[in-house]
Amino acid sequence: MTAVATLFDADEYLDLPVCKDCGIDTVNAREWFMLRDDVWAQAAESDALLCIGCFEARLGRRLAPGDFTDVPLNQCRGSVRMRSRLLGLDEATAG
């Protein structure tokens, strides 16, 4: 993963998990997810970090349940937007 922003504190640094396109903190936004490699390759370079909205903007469509990999990370309680894509529901229903 390539960090977009870095904090420097003396000789140590911390990579911030921010979306490459909009700068949103993906951890605080609760948008951490893994997609199938073929889906990711359609819209992003392999080491990019993107939020759901920016990935969908690049992809040109809404993500669907079949786009996600079957890994524990995708089972975590994420944002309403992320859950709606994982479950194939509208955001009001997924909330």
C-alpha atoms as a PDB file:
ATOM      1  CA  MET A   1       0.000   0.000   0.000  1.00  0.00           C
ATOM      2  CA  THR A   2       1.266   3.428  -0.873  1.00  0.00           C
ATOM      3  CA  ALA A   3       0.532   6.076   1.707  1.00  0.00           C
ATOM      4  CA  VAL A   4      -0.768   9.400   0.465  1.00  0.00           C
ATOM      5  CA  ALA A   5      -0.046  11.279   3.674  1.00  0.00           C
ATOM      6  CA  THR A   6       2.707  10.793   6.214  1.00  0.00           C
ATOM      7  CA  LEU A   7       3.202  12.228   9.697  1.00  0.00           C
ATOM      8  CA  PHE A   8       6.780  12.727  10.821  1.00  0.00           C
ATOM      9  CA  ASP A   9       7.682  12.511  14.488  1.00  0.00           C
ATOM     10  CA  ALA A  10      11.441  12.598  15.025  1.00  0.00           C
ATOM     11  CA  ASP A  11      12.869   9.652  13.070  1.00  0.00           C
ATOM     12  CA  GLU A  12       9.633   7.672  12.974  1.00  0.00           C
ATOM     13  CA  TYR A  13       6.627   8.051  10.711  1.00  0.00           C
ATOM     14  CA  LEU A  14       3.100   6.731  10.515  1.00  0.00           C
ATOM     15  CA  ASP A  15       1.395   6.098   7.183  1.00  0.00           C
ATOM     16  CA  LEU A  16      -2.163   7.362   7.249  1.00  0.00           C
ATOM     17  CA  PRO A  17      -4.782   5.150   5.557  1.00  0.00           C
ATOM     18  CA  VAL A  18      -6.297   7.876   3.399  1.00  0.00           C
ATOM     19  CA  CYS A  19      -8.072   7.561   0.071  1.00  0.00           C
ATOM     20  CA  LYS A  20      -5.730   8.450  -2.761  1.00  0.00           C
ATOM     21  CA  ASP A  21      -8.417  10.445  -4.571  1.00  0.00           C
ATOM     22  CA  CYS A  22     -10.405  12.325  -1.906  1.00  0.00           C
ATOM     23  CA  GLY A  23      -8.145  12.098   1.170  1.00  0.00           C
ATOM     24  CA  ILE A  24     -10.779  10.639   3.514  1.00  0.00           C
ATOM     25  CA  ASP A  25      -9.380   8.610   6.423  1.00  0.00           C
ATOM     26  CA  THR A  26     -10.626   5.147   5.456  1.00  0.00           C
ATOM     27  CA  VAL A  27     -10.252   3.762   8.996  1.00  0.00           C
ATOM     28  CA  ASN A  28     -12.383   6.471  10.606  1.00  0.00           C
ATOM     29  CA  ALA A  29     -14.851   6.204   7.722  1.00  0.00           C
ATOM     30  CA  ARG A  30     -14.918   2.419   8.325  1.00  0.00           C
ATOM     31  CA  GLU A  31     -14.242   1.673   4.686  1.00  0.00           C
ATOM     32  CA  TRP A  32     -11.687  -1.086   4.576  1.00  0.00           C
ATOM     33  CA  PHE A  33     -12.409  -3.846   2.073  1.00  0.00           C
ATOM     34  CA  MET A  34     -10.887  -6.297  -0.390  1.00  0.00           C
ATOM     35  CA  LEU A  35     -12.159  -6.744  -3.928  1.00  0.00           C
ATOM     36  CA  ARG A  36     -11.454  -9.448  -6.466  1.00  0.00           C
ATOM     37  CA  ASP A  37      -8.193  -8.720  -8.309  1.00  0.00           C
ATOM     38  CA  ASP A  38      -9.936  -8.452 -11.682  1.00  0.00           C
ATOM     39  CA  VAL A  39     -12.384  -5.853 -10.326  1.00  0.00           C
ATOM     40  CA  TRP A  40      -9.631  -3.815  -8.652  1.00  0.00           C
ATOM     41  CA  ALA A  41      -7.515  -3.865 -11.824  1.00  0.00           C
ATOM     42  CA  GLN A  42     -10.362  -2.227 -13.778  1.00  0.00           C
ATOM     43  CA  ALA A  43     -10.112   0.994 -11.776  1.00  0.00           C
ATOM     44  CA  ALA A  44      -6.974   1.202  -9.637  1.00  0.00           C
ATOM     45  CA  GLU A  45      -3.299   0.408  -9.529  1.00  0.00           C
ATOM     46  CA  SER A  46      -2.441  -2.510  -7.257  1.00  0.00           C
ATOM     47  CA  ASP A  47      -0.993  -0.431  -4.410  1.00  0.00           C
ATOM     48  CA  ALA A  48      -3.665   2.313  -4.333  1.00  0.00           C
ATOM     49  CA  LEU A  49      -5.889   2.905  -1.332  1.00  0.00           C
ATOM     50  CA  LEU A  50      -9.387   4.128  -2.185  1.00  0.00           C
ATOM     51  CA  CYS A  51     -12.681   4.609  -0.387  1.00  0.00           C
ATOM     52  CA  ILE A  52     -15.806   2.947  -1.791  1.00  0.00           C
ATOM     53  CA  GLY A  53     -17.075   6.153  -3.417  1.00  0.00           C
ATOM     54  CA  CYS A  54     -13.847   6.969  -5.222  1.00  0.00           C
ATOM     55  CA  PHE A  55     -13.384   3.391  -6.372  1.00  0.00           C
ATOM     56  CA  GLU A  56     -16.915   3.356  -7.772  1.00  0.00           C
ATOM     57  CA  ALA A  57     -16.338   6.702  -9.510  1.00  0.00           C
ATOM     58  CA  ARG A  58     -13.271   5.273 -11.225  1.00  0.00           C
ATOM     59  CA  LEU A  59     -15.058   1.995 -12.033  1.00  0.00           C
ATOM     60  CA  GLY A  60     -18.118   3.789 -13.402  1.00  0.00           C
ATOM     61  CA  ARG A  61     -20.615   1.646 -11.507  1.00  0.00           C
ATOM     62  CA  ARG A  62     -21.793   0.669  -8.039  1.00  0.00           C
ATOM     63  CA  LEU A  63     -19.974  -2.248  -6.411  1.00  0.00           C
ATOM     64  CA  ALA A  64     -21.948  -5.485  -6.055  1.00  0.00           C
ATOM     65  CA  PRO A  65     -21.608  -8.362  -3.578  1.00  0.00           C
ATOM     66  CA  GLY A  66     -19.797 -10.517  -6.159  1.00  0.00           C
ATOM     67  CA  ASP A  67     -17.026  -7.909  -6.500  1.00  0.00           C
ATOM     68  CA  PHE A  68     -15.785  -8.552  -2.946  1.00  0.00           C
ATOM     69  CA  THR A  69     -13.482 -11.385  -1.916  1.00  0.00           C
ATOM     70  CA  ASP A  70     -14.514 -13.917   0.699  1.00  0.00           C
ATOM     71  CA  VAL A  71     -12.126 -12.833   3.459  1.00  0.00           C
ATOM     72  CA  PRO A  72     -12.699 -11.990   7.154  1.00  0.00           C
ATOM     73  CA  LEU A  73     -11.924  -8.313   6.497  1.00  0.00           C
ATOM     74  CA  ASN A  74     -15.110  -8.052   4.440  1.00  0.00           C
ATOM     75  CA  GLN A  75     -17.108  -9.565   7.316  1.00  0.00           C
ATOM     76  CA  CYS A  76     -16.266  -6.654   9.651  1.00  0.00           C
ATOM     77  CA  ARG A  77     -18.846  -4.009  10.400  1.00  0.00           C
ATOM     78  CA  GLY A  78     -17.948  -1.206   8.043  1.00  0.00           C
ATOM     79  CA  SER A  79     -19.672   1.961   6.915  1.00  0.00           C
ATOM     80  CA  VAL A  80     -23.300   1.927   5.807  1.00  0.00           C
ATOM     81  CA  ARG A  81     -22.084   2.506   2.259  1.00  0.00           C
ATOM     82  CA  MET A  82     -19.748  -0.494   2.440  1.00  0.00           C
ATOM     83  CA  ARG A  83     -22.371  -2.781   4.020  1.00  0.00           C
ATOM     84  CA  SER A  84     -24.901  -1.808   1.357  1.00  0.00           C
ATOM     85  CA  ARG A  85     -22.485  -2.910  -1.377  1.00  0.00           C
ATOM     86  CA  LEU A  86     -21.541  -6.146   0.414  1.00  0.00           C
ATOM     87  CA  LEU A  87     -25.196  -7.055   0.939  1.00  0.00           C
ATOM     88  CA  GLY A  88     -26.578  -5.709  -2.338  1.00  0.00           C
ATOM     89  CA  LEU A  89     -28.986  -3.367  -0.522  1.00  0.00           C
ATOM     90  CA  ASP A  90     -29.700   0.339  -0.720  1.00  0.00           C
ATOM     91  CA  GLU A  91     -28.033   2.415   1.985  1.00  0.00           C
ATOM     92  CA  ALA A  92     -31.264   3.043   3.906  1.00  0.00           C
ATOM     93  CA  THR A  93     -31.833  -0.704   4.270  1.00  0.00           C
ATOM     94  CA  ALA A  94     -28.195  -1.488   5.115  1.00  0.00           C
ATOM     95  CA  GLY A  95     -28.023   1.189   7.829  1.00  0.00           C
END
